[in-house]
Amino acid sequence: MGWKKGLLAVVVAIAVGAWVCLGLSFWLGLDQEVGIFFVMAAAFTTEAAFWVLALVLGVSVYESRRRIWCALVRSSRMEIE
């Protein structure tokens, strides 16, 4: 499990760096193309951090999303009836 925590630390550090770069690009007033690049980088690294966190916790992301979807559909069906 040690290598998983190390991987999580690296991915979270990269994601935080991407978010810091995004904030700096807005603060410095850089071009829109640069801002779009940093938005995409922050989005991808944040998604990667979620997947690695799920790996560390041993959570099946697919199974969790399926259960959430079933619960939402079930509750919306109850509201309709």
PDB file of N, CA and C in Angstrom:
ATOM      1  N   MET A   1       0.820  -1.197   0.000  1.00  0.00           N
ATOM      2  CA  MET A   1       0.000   0.000   0.000  1.00  0.00           C
ATOM      3  C   MET A   1       0.863   1.260   0.000  1.00  0.00           C
ATOM      4  N   GLY A   2       2.143   1.130   0.319  1.00  0.00           N
ATOM      5  CA  GLY A   2       3.024   2.280   0.386  1.00  0.00           C
ATOM      6  C   GLY A   2       3.188   2.990  -0.945  1.00  0.00           C
ATOM      7  N   TRP A   3       3.322   2.215  -2.025  1.00  0.00           N
ATOM      8  CA  TRP A   3       3.503   2.846  -3.323  1.00  0.00           C
ATOM      9  C   TRP A   3       2.245   3.571  -3.777  1.00  0.00           C
ATOM     10  N   LYS A   4       1.087   3.094  -3.322  1.00  0.00           N
ATOM     11  CA  LYS A   4      -0.170   3.759  -3.698  1.00  0.00           C
ATOM     12  C   LYS A   4      -0.266   5.132  -3.043  1.00  0.00           C
ATOM     13  N   LYS A   5       0.125   5.206  -1.773  1.00  0.00           N
ATOM     14  CA  LYS A   5       0.096   6.500  -1.091  1.00  0.00           C
ATOM     15  C   LYS A   5       1.101   7.463  -1.712  1.00  0.00           C
ATOM     16  N   GLY A   6       2.250   6.947  -2.111  1.00  0.00           N
ATOM     17  CA  GLY A   6       3.231   7.784  -2.791  1.00  0.00           C
ATOM     18  C   GLY A   6       2.709   8.305  -4.114  1.00  0.00           C
ATOM     19  N   LEU A   7       2.052   7.430  -4.863  1.00  0.00           N
ATOM     20  CA  LEU A   7       1.451   7.841  -6.132  1.00  0.00           C
ATOM     21  C   LEU A   7       0.384   8.906  -5.900  1.00  0.00           C
ATOM     22  N   LEU A   8      -0.431   8.707  -4.858  1.00  0.00           N
ATOM     23  CA  LEU A   8      -1.465   9.689  -4.545  1.00  0.00           C
ATOM     24  C   LEU A   8      -0.842  11.029  -4.194  1.00  0.00           C
ATOM     25  N   ALA A   9       0.224  11.028  -3.418  1.00  0.00           N
ATOM     26  CA  ALA A   9       0.886  12.272  -3.046  1.00  0.00           C
ATOM     27  C   ALA A   9       1.427  12.997  -4.275  1.00  0.00           C
ATOM     28  N   VAL A  10       2.002  12.259  -5.202  1.00  0.00           N
ATOM     29  CA  VAL A  10       2.548  12.865  -6.420  1.00  0.00           C
ATOM     30  C   VAL A  10       1.430  13.447  -7.279  1.00  0.00           C
ATOM     31  N   VAL A  11       0.364  12.683  -7.461  1.00  0.00           N
ATOM     32  CA  VAL A  11      -0.739  13.147  -8.312  1.00  0.00           C
ATOM     33  C   VAL A  11      -1.434  14.360  -7.688  1.00  0.00           C
ATOM     34  N   VAL A  12      -1.624  14.339  -6.377  1.00  0.00           N
ATOM     35  CA  VAL A  12      -2.255  15.486  -5.709  1.00  0.00           C
ATOM     36  C   VAL A  12      -1.345  16.709  -5.809  1.00  0.00           C
ATOM     37  N   ALA A  13      -0.040  16.530  -5.671  1.00  0.00           N
ATOM     38  CA  ALA A  13       0.889  17.655  -5.807  1.00  0.00           C
ATOM     39  C   ALA A  13       0.830  18.244  -7.214  1.00  0.00           C
ATOM     40  N   ILE A  14       0.740  17.383  -8.222  1.00  0.00           N
ATOM     41  CA  ILE A  14       0.625  17.867  -9.601  1.00  0.00           C
ATOM     42  C   ILE A  14      -0.690  18.603  -9.803  1.00  0.00           C
ATOM     43  N   ALA A  15      -1.772  18.070  -9.230  1.00  0.00           N
ATOM     44  CA  ALA A  15      -3.078  18.724  -9.359  1.00  0.00           C
ATOM     45  C   ALA A  15      -3.078  20.093  -8.670  1.00  0.00           C
ATOM     46  N   VAL A  16      -2.492  20.156  -7.492  1.00  0.00           N
ATOM     47  CA  VAL A  16      -2.416  21.451  -6.795  1.00  0.00           C
ATOM     48  C   VAL A  16      -1.576  22.430  -7.608  1.00  0.00           C
ATOM     49  N   GLY A  17      -0.495  21.951  -8.178  1.00  0.00           N
ATOM     50  CA  GLY A  17       0.319  22.804  -9.039  1.00  0.00           C
ATOM     51  C   GLY A  17      -0.444  23.319 -10.248  1.00  0.00           C
ATOM     52  N   ALA A  18      -1.266  22.466 -10.827  1.00  0.00           N
ATOM     53  CA  ALA A  18      -2.072  22.887 -11.978  1.00  0.00           C
ATOM     54  C   ALA A  18      -3.078  23.958 -11.572  1.00  0.00           C
ATOM     55  N   TRP A  19      -3.681  23.785 -10.407  1.00  0.00           N
ATOM     56  CA  TRP A  19      -4.643  24.794  -9.928  1.00  0.00           C
ATOM     57  C   TRP A  19      -3.949  26.107  -9.587  1.00  0.00           C
ATOM     58  N   VAL A  20      -2.754  26.029  -9.033  1.00  0.00           N
ATOM     59  CA  VAL A  20      -1.989  27.246  -8.744  1.00  0.00           C
ATOM     60  C   VAL A  20      -1.635  27.964 -10.046  1.00  0.00           C
ATOM     61  N   CYS A  21      -1.211  27.215 -11.043  1.00  0.00           N
ATOM     62  CA  CYS A  21      -0.899  27.814 -12.346  1.00  0.00           C
ATOM     63  C   CYS A  21      -2.131  28.460 -12.971  1.00  0.00           C
ATOM     64  N   LEU A  22      -3.284  27.816 -12.816  1.00  0.00           N
ATOM     65  CA  LEU A  22      -4.526  28.398 -13.328  1.00  0.00           C
ATOM     66  C   LEU A  22      -4.829  29.723 -12.635  1.00  0.00           C
ATOM     67  N   GLY A  23      -4.706  29.731 -11.327  1.00  0.00           N
ATOM     68  CA  GLY A  23      -4.933  30.983 -10.588  1.00  0.00           C
ATOM     69  C   GLY A  23      -3.954  32.074 -10.982  1.00  0.00           C
ATOM     70  N   LEU A  24      -2.699  31.696 -11.144  1.00  0.00           N
ATOM     71  CA  LEU A  24      -1.700  32.680 -11.564  1.00  0.00           C
ATOM     72  C   LEU A  24      -1.977  33.215 -12.963  1.00  0.00           C
ATOM     73  N   SER A  25      -2.475  32.349 -13.841  1.00  0.00           N
ATOM     74  CA  SER A  25      -2.773  32.817 -15.201  1.00  0.00           C
ATOM     75  C   SER A  25      -3.894  33.847 -15.193  1.00  0.00           C
ATOM     76  N   PHE A  26      -4.870  33.661 -14.299  1.00  0.00           N
ATOM     77  CA  PHE A  26      -5.942  34.663 -14.190  1.00  0.00           C
ATOM     78  C   PHE A  26      -5.426  35.933 -13.536  1.00  0.00           C
ATOM     79  N   TRP A  27      -4.609  35.778 -12.498  1.00  0.00           N
ATOM     80  CA  TRP A  27      -4.094  36.921 -11.769  1.00  0.00           C
ATOM     81  C   TRP A  27      -3.175  37.774 -12.629  1.00  0.00           C
ATOM     82  N   LEU A  28      -2.361  37.099 -13.458  1.00  0.00           N
ATOM     83  CA  LEU A  28      -1.440  37.825 -14.324  1.00  0.00           C
ATOM     84  C   LEU A  28      -2.097  38.321 -15.606  1.00  0.00           C
ATOM     85  N   GLY A  29      -3.306  37.861 -15.870  1.00  0.00           N
ATOM     86  CA  GLY A  29      -4.026  38.305 -17.061  1.00  0.00           C
ATOM     87  C   GLY A  29      -3.430  37.767 -18.351  1.00  0.00           C
ATOM     88  N   LEU A  30      -3.035  36.505 -18.345  1.00  0.00           N
ATOM     89  CA  LEU A  30      -2.446  35.905 -19.537  1.00  0.00           C
ATOM     90  C   LEU A  30      -3.502  35.681 -20.611  1.00  0.00           C
ATOM     91  N   ASP A  31      -3.046  35.326 -21.792  1.00  0.00           N
ATOM     92  CA  ASP A  31      -3.956  35.125 -22.923  1.00  0.00           C
ATOM     93  C   ASP A  31      -4.980  34.038 -22.626  1.00  0.00           C
ATOM     94  N   GLN A  32      -6.084  34.084 -23.382  1.00  0.00           N
ATOM     95  CA  GLN A  32      -7.157  33.110 -23.202  1.00  0.00           C
ATOM     96  C   GLN A  32      -6.691  31.699 -23.541  1.00  0.00           C
ATOM     97  N   GLU A  33      -5.831  31.556 -24.529  1.00  0.00           N
ATOM     98  CA  GLU A  33      -5.338  30.228 -24.904  1.00  0.00           C
ATOM     99  C   GLU A  33      -4.558  29.588 -23.757  1.00  0.00           C
ATOM    100  N   VAL A  34      -3.767  30.391 -23.075  1.00  0.00           N
ATOM    101  CA  VAL A  34      -2.999  29.888 -21.936  1.00  0.00           C
ATOM    102  C   VAL A  34      -3.951  29.507 -20.806  1.00  0.00           C
ATOM    103  N   GLY A  35      -4.970  30.311 -20.590  1.00  0.00           N
ATOM    104  CA  GLY A  35      -5.957  30.011 -19.561  1.00  0.00           C
ATOM    105  C   GLY A  35      -6.708  28.722 -19.846  1.00  0.00           C
ATOM    106  N   ILE A  36      -7.062  28.515 -21.100  1.00  0.00           N
ATOM    107  CA  ILE A  36      -7.753  27.287 -21.487  1.00  0.00           C
ATOM    108  C   ILE A  36      -6.858  26.079 -21.249  1.00  0.00           C
ATOM    109  N   PHE A  37      -5.574  26.208 -21.564  1.00  0.00           N
ATOM    110  CA  PHE A  37      -4.635  25.116 -21.317  1.00  0.00           C
ATOM    111  C   PHE A  37      -4.586  24.766 -19.830  1.00  0.00           C
ATOM    112  N   PHE A  38      -4.501  25.790 -18.976  1.00  0.00           N
ATOM    113  CA  PHE A  38      -4.427  25.530 -17.540  1.00  0.00           C
ATOM    114  C   PHE A  38      -5.741  24.989 -16.980  1.00  0.00           C
ATOM    115  N   VAL A  39      -6.864  25.405 -17.534  1.00  0.00           N
ATOM    116  CA  VAL A  39      -8.150  24.839 -17.112  1.00  0.00           C
ATOM    117  C   VAL A  39      -8.203  23.354 -17.442  1.00  0.00           C
ATOM    118  N   MET A  40      -7.774  23.003 -18.650  1.00  0.00           N
ATOM    119  CA  MET A  40      -7.767  21.587 -19.039  1.00  0.00           C
ATOM    120  C   MET A  40      -6.791  20.783 -18.184  1.00  0.00           C
ATOM    121  N   ALA A  41      -5.624  21.350 -17.921  1.00  0.00           N
ATOM    122  CA  ALA A  41      -4.637  20.654 -17.090  1.00  0.00           C
ATOM    123  C   ALA A  41      -5.176  20.436 -15.683  1.00  0.00           C
ATOM    124  N   ALA A  42      -5.825  21.438 -15.117  1.00  0.00           N
ATOM    125  CA  ALA A  42      -6.389  21.303 -13.777  1.00  0.00           C
ATOM    126  C   ALA A  42      -7.505  20.262 -13.759  1.00  0.00           C
ATOM    127  N   ALA A  43      -8.321  20.244 -14.795  1.00  0.00           N
ATOM    128  CA  ALA A  43      -9.421  19.268 -14.853  1.00  0.00           C
ATOM    129  C   ALA A  43      -8.887  17.843 -14.954  1.00  0.00           C
ATOM    130  N   PHE A  44      -7.925  17.624 -15.833  1.00  0.00           N
ATOM    131  CA  PHE A  44      -7.379  16.278 -16.013  1.00  0.00           C
ATOM    132  C   PHE A  44      -6.645  15.792 -14.763  1.00  0.00           C
ATOM    133  N   THR A  45      -5.856  16.665 -14.157  1.00  0.00           N
ATOM    134  CA  THR A  45      -5.118  16.237 -12.969  1.00  0.00           C
ATOM    135  C   THR A  45      -6.034  16.012 -11.778  1.00  0.00           C
ATOM    136  N   THR A  46      -7.101  16.779 -11.674  1.00  0.00           N
ATOM    137  CA  THR A  46      -8.063  16.556 -10.592  1.00  0.00           C
ATOM    138  C   THR A  46      -8.784  15.233 -10.785  1.00  0.00           C
ATOM    139  N   GLU A  47      -9.172  14.932 -12.004  1.00  0.00           N
ATOM    140  CA  GLU A  47      -9.796  13.641 -12.295  1.00  0.00           C
ATOM    141  C   GLU A  47      -8.837  12.491 -11.987  1.00  0.00           C
ATOM    142  N   ALA A  48      -7.582  12.662 -12.355  1.00  0.00           N
ATOM    143  CA  ALA A  48      -6.581  11.633 -12.040  1.00  0.00           C
ATOM    144  C   ALA A  48      -6.436  11.462 -10.535  1.00  0.00           C
ATOM    145  N   ALA A  49      -6.488  12.554  -9.796  1.00  0.00           N
ATOM    146  CA  ALA A  49      -6.386  12.466  -8.338  1.00  0.00           C
ATOM    147  C   ALA A  49      -7.564  11.693  -7.756  1.00  0.00           C
ATOM    148  N   PHE A  50      -8.763  11.893  -8.281  1.00  0.00           N
ATOM    149  CA  PHE A  50      -9.928  11.139  -7.811  1.00  0.00           C
ATOM    150  C   PHE A  50      -9.767   9.647  -8.080  1.00  0.00           C
ATOM    151  N   TRP A  51      -9.276   9.294  -9.267  1.00  0.00           N
ATOM    152  CA  TRP A  51      -9.095   7.888  -9.610  1.00  0.00           C
ATOM    153  C   TRP A  51      -8.020   7.239  -8.751  1.00  0.00           C
ATOM    154  N   VAL A  52      -6.930   7.953  -8.502  1.00  0.00           N
ATOM    155  CA  VAL A  52      -5.865   7.395  -7.661  1.00  0.00           C
ATOM    156  C   VAL A  52      -6.342   7.278  -6.219  1.00  0.00           C
ATOM    157  N   LEU A  53      -7.122   8.245  -5.747  1.00  0.00           N
ATOM    158  CA  LEU A  53      -7.691   8.146  -4.401  1.00  0.00           C
ATOM    159  C   LEU A  53      -8.595   6.924  -4.295  1.00  0.00           C
ATOM    160  N   ALA A  54      -9.380   6.670  -5.329  1.00  0.00           N
ATOM    161  CA  ALA A  54     -10.229   5.477  -5.331  1.00  0.00           C
ATOM    162  C   ALA A  54      -9.371   4.215  -5.310  1.00  0.00           C
ATOM    163  N   LEU A  55      -8.243   4.233  -6.009  1.00  0.00           N
ATOM    164  CA  LEU A  55      -7.328   3.092  -5.992  1.00  0.00           C
ATOM    165  C   LEU A  55      -6.771   2.864  -4.593  1.00  0.00           C
ATOM    166  N   VAL A  56      -6.375   3.942  -3.938  1.00  0.00           N
ATOM    167  CA  VAL A  56      -5.810   3.835  -2.591  1.00  0.00           C
ATOM    168  C   VAL A  56      -6.859   3.325  -1.607  1.00  0.00           C
ATOM    169  N   LEU A  57      -8.068   3.826  -1.729  1.00  0.00           N
ATOM    170  CA  LEU A  57      -9.127   3.423  -0.800  1.00  0.00           C
ATOM    171  C   LEU A  57      -9.722   2.065  -1.147  1.00  0.00           C
ATOM    172  N   GLY A  58      -9.433   1.567  -2.338  1.00  0.00           N
ATOM    173  CA  GLY A  58      -9.979   0.283  -2.752  1.00  0.00           C
ATOM    174  C   GLY A  58     -11.435   0.360  -3.166  1.00  0.00           C
ATOM    175  N   VAL A  59     -11.853   1.514  -3.591  1.00  0.00           N
ATOM    176  CA  VAL A  59     -13.237   1.727  -3.984  1.00  0.00           C
ATOM    177  C   VAL A  59     -13.360   1.495  -5.483  1.00  0.00           C
ATOM    178  N   SER A  60     -14.322   0.705  -5.860  1.00  0.00           N
ATOM    179  CA  SER A  60     -14.604   0.534  -7.270  1.00  0.00           C
ATOM    180  C   SER A  60     -15.439   1.721  -7.726  1.00  0.00           C
ATOM    181  N   VAL A  61     -14.824   2.616  -8.473  1.00  0.00           N
ATOM    182  CA  VAL A  61     -15.506   3.835  -8.891  1.00  0.00           C
ATOM    183  C   VAL A  61     -16.704   3.498  -9.765  1.00  0.00           C
ATOM    184  N   TYR A  62     -16.544   2.538 -10.631  1.00  0.00           N
ATOM    185  CA  TYR A  62     -17.654   2.155 -11.498  1.00  0.00           C
ATOM    186  C   TYR A  62     -18.835   1.667 -10.664  1.00  0.00           C
ATOM    187  N   GLU A  63     -18.559   0.809  -9.691  1.00  0.00           N
ATOM    188  CA  GLU A  63     -19.620   0.268  -8.842  1.00  0.00           C
ATOM    189  C   GLU A  63     -20.286   1.386  -8.037  1.00  0.00           C
ATOM    190  N   SER A  64     -19.500   2.305  -7.530  1.00  0.00           N
ATOM    191  CA  SER A  64     -20.056   3.410  -6.751  1.00  0.00           C
ATOM    192  C   SER A  64     -20.951   4.287  -7.617  1.00  0.00           C
ATOM    193  N   ARG A  65     -20.510   4.588  -8.814  1.00  0.00           N
ATOM    194  CA  ARG A  65     -21.334   5.416  -9.705  1.00  0.00           C
ATOM    195  C   ARG A  65     -22.621   4.688 -10.093  1.00  0.00           C
ATOM    196  N   ARG A  66     -22.531   3.380 -10.277  1.00  0.00           N
ATOM    197  CA  ARG A  66     -23.726   2.617 -10.615  1.00  0.00           C
ATOM    198  C   ARG A  66     -24.725   2.657  -9.468  1.00  0.00           C
ATOM    199  N   ARG A  67     -24.245   2.497  -8.243  1.00  0.00           N
ATOM    200  CA  ARG A  67     -25.139   2.544  -7.087  1.00  0.00           C
ATOM    201  C   ARG A  67     -25.773   3.919  -6.917  1.00  0.00           C
ATOM    202  N   ILE A  68     -24.981   4.965  -7.117  1.00  0.00           N
ATOM    203  CA  ILE A  68     -25.529   6.320  -7.009  1.00  0.00           C
ATOM    204  C   ILE A  68     -26.593   6.536  -8.075  1.00  0.00           C
ATOM    205  N   TRP A  69     -26.324   6.092  -9.296  1.00  0.00           N
ATOM    206  CA  TRP A  69     -27.285   6.262 -10.385  1.00  0.00           C
ATOM    207  C   TRP A  69     -28.581   5.514 -10.077  1.00  0.00           C
ATOM    208  N   CYS A  70     -28.466   4.281  -9.575  1.00  0.00           N
ATOM    209  CA  CYS A  70     -29.655   3.504  -9.231  1.00  0.00           C
ATOM    210  C   CYS A  70     -30.451   4.197  -8.132  1.00  0.00           C
ATOM    211  N   ALA A  71     -29.772   4.748  -7.152  1.00  0.00           N
ATOM    212  CA  ALA A  71     -30.457   5.449  -6.066  1.00  0.00           C
ATOM    213  C   ALA A  71     -31.170   6.696  -6.587  1.00  0.00           C
ATOM    214  N   LEU A  72     -30.530   7.430  -7.492  1.00  0.00           N
ATOM    215  CA  LEU A  72     -31.159   8.618  -8.057  1.00  0.00           C
ATOM    216  C   LEU A  72     -32.379   8.262  -8.894  1.00  0.00           C
ATOM    217  N   VAL A  73     -32.252   7.227  -9.699  1.00  0.00           N
ATOM    218  CA  VAL A  73     -33.374   6.816 -10.543  1.00  0.00           C
ATOM    219  C   VAL A  73     -34.517   6.317  -9.669  1.00  0.00           C
ATOM    220  N   ARG A  74     -34.186   5.546  -8.646  1.00  0.00           N
ATOM    221  CA  ARG A  74     -35.213   5.014  -7.751  1.00  0.00           C
ATOM    222  C   ARG A  74     -35.933   6.155  -7.030  1.00  0.00           C
ATOM    223  N   SER A  75     -35.203   7.160  -6.547  1.00  0.00           N
ATOM    224  CA  SER A  75     -35.842   8.261  -5.822  1.00  0.00           C
ATOM    225  C   SER A  75     -36.673   9.121  -6.763  1.00  0.00           C
ATOM    226  N   SER A  76     -36.219   9.293  -8.013  1.00  0.00           N
ATOM    227  CA  SER A  76     -37.008  10.090  -8.947  1.00  0.00           C
ATOM    228  C   SER A  76     -38.273   9.353  -9.363  1.00  0.00           C
ATOM    229  N   ARG A  77     -38.234   8.026  -9.420  1.00  0.00           N
ATOM    230  CA  ARG A  77     -39.431   7.259  -9.723  1.00  0.00           C
ATOM    231  C   ARG A  77     -40.433   7.364  -8.586  1.00  0.00           C
ATOM    232  N   MET A  78     -39.944   7.404  -7.353  1.00  0.00           N
ATOM    233  CA  MET A  78     -40.846   7.530  -6.216  1.00  0.00           C
ATOM    234  C   MET A  78     -41.532   8.878  -6.210  1.00  0.00           C
ATOM    235  N   GLU A  79     -40.823   9.947  -6.642  1.00  0.00           N
ATOM    236  CA  GLU A  79     -41.413  11.273  -6.692  1.00  0.00           C
ATOM    237  C   GLU A  79     -42.488  11.358  -7.770  1.00  0.00           C
ATOM    238  N   ILE A  80     -42.326  10.623  -8.865  1.00  0.00           N
ATOM    239  CA  ILE A  80     -43.289  10.676  -9.965  1.00  0.00           C
ATOM    240  C   ILE A  80     -44.583   9.973  -9.569  1.00  0.00           C
ATOM    241  N   GLU A  81     -44.469   8.880  -8.856  1.00  0.00           N
ATOM    242  CA  GLU A  81     -45.656   8.088  -8.511  1.00  0.00           C
ATOM    243  C   GLU A  81     -46.488   8.734  -7.485  1.00  0.00           C
TER     244      GLU A  81
END
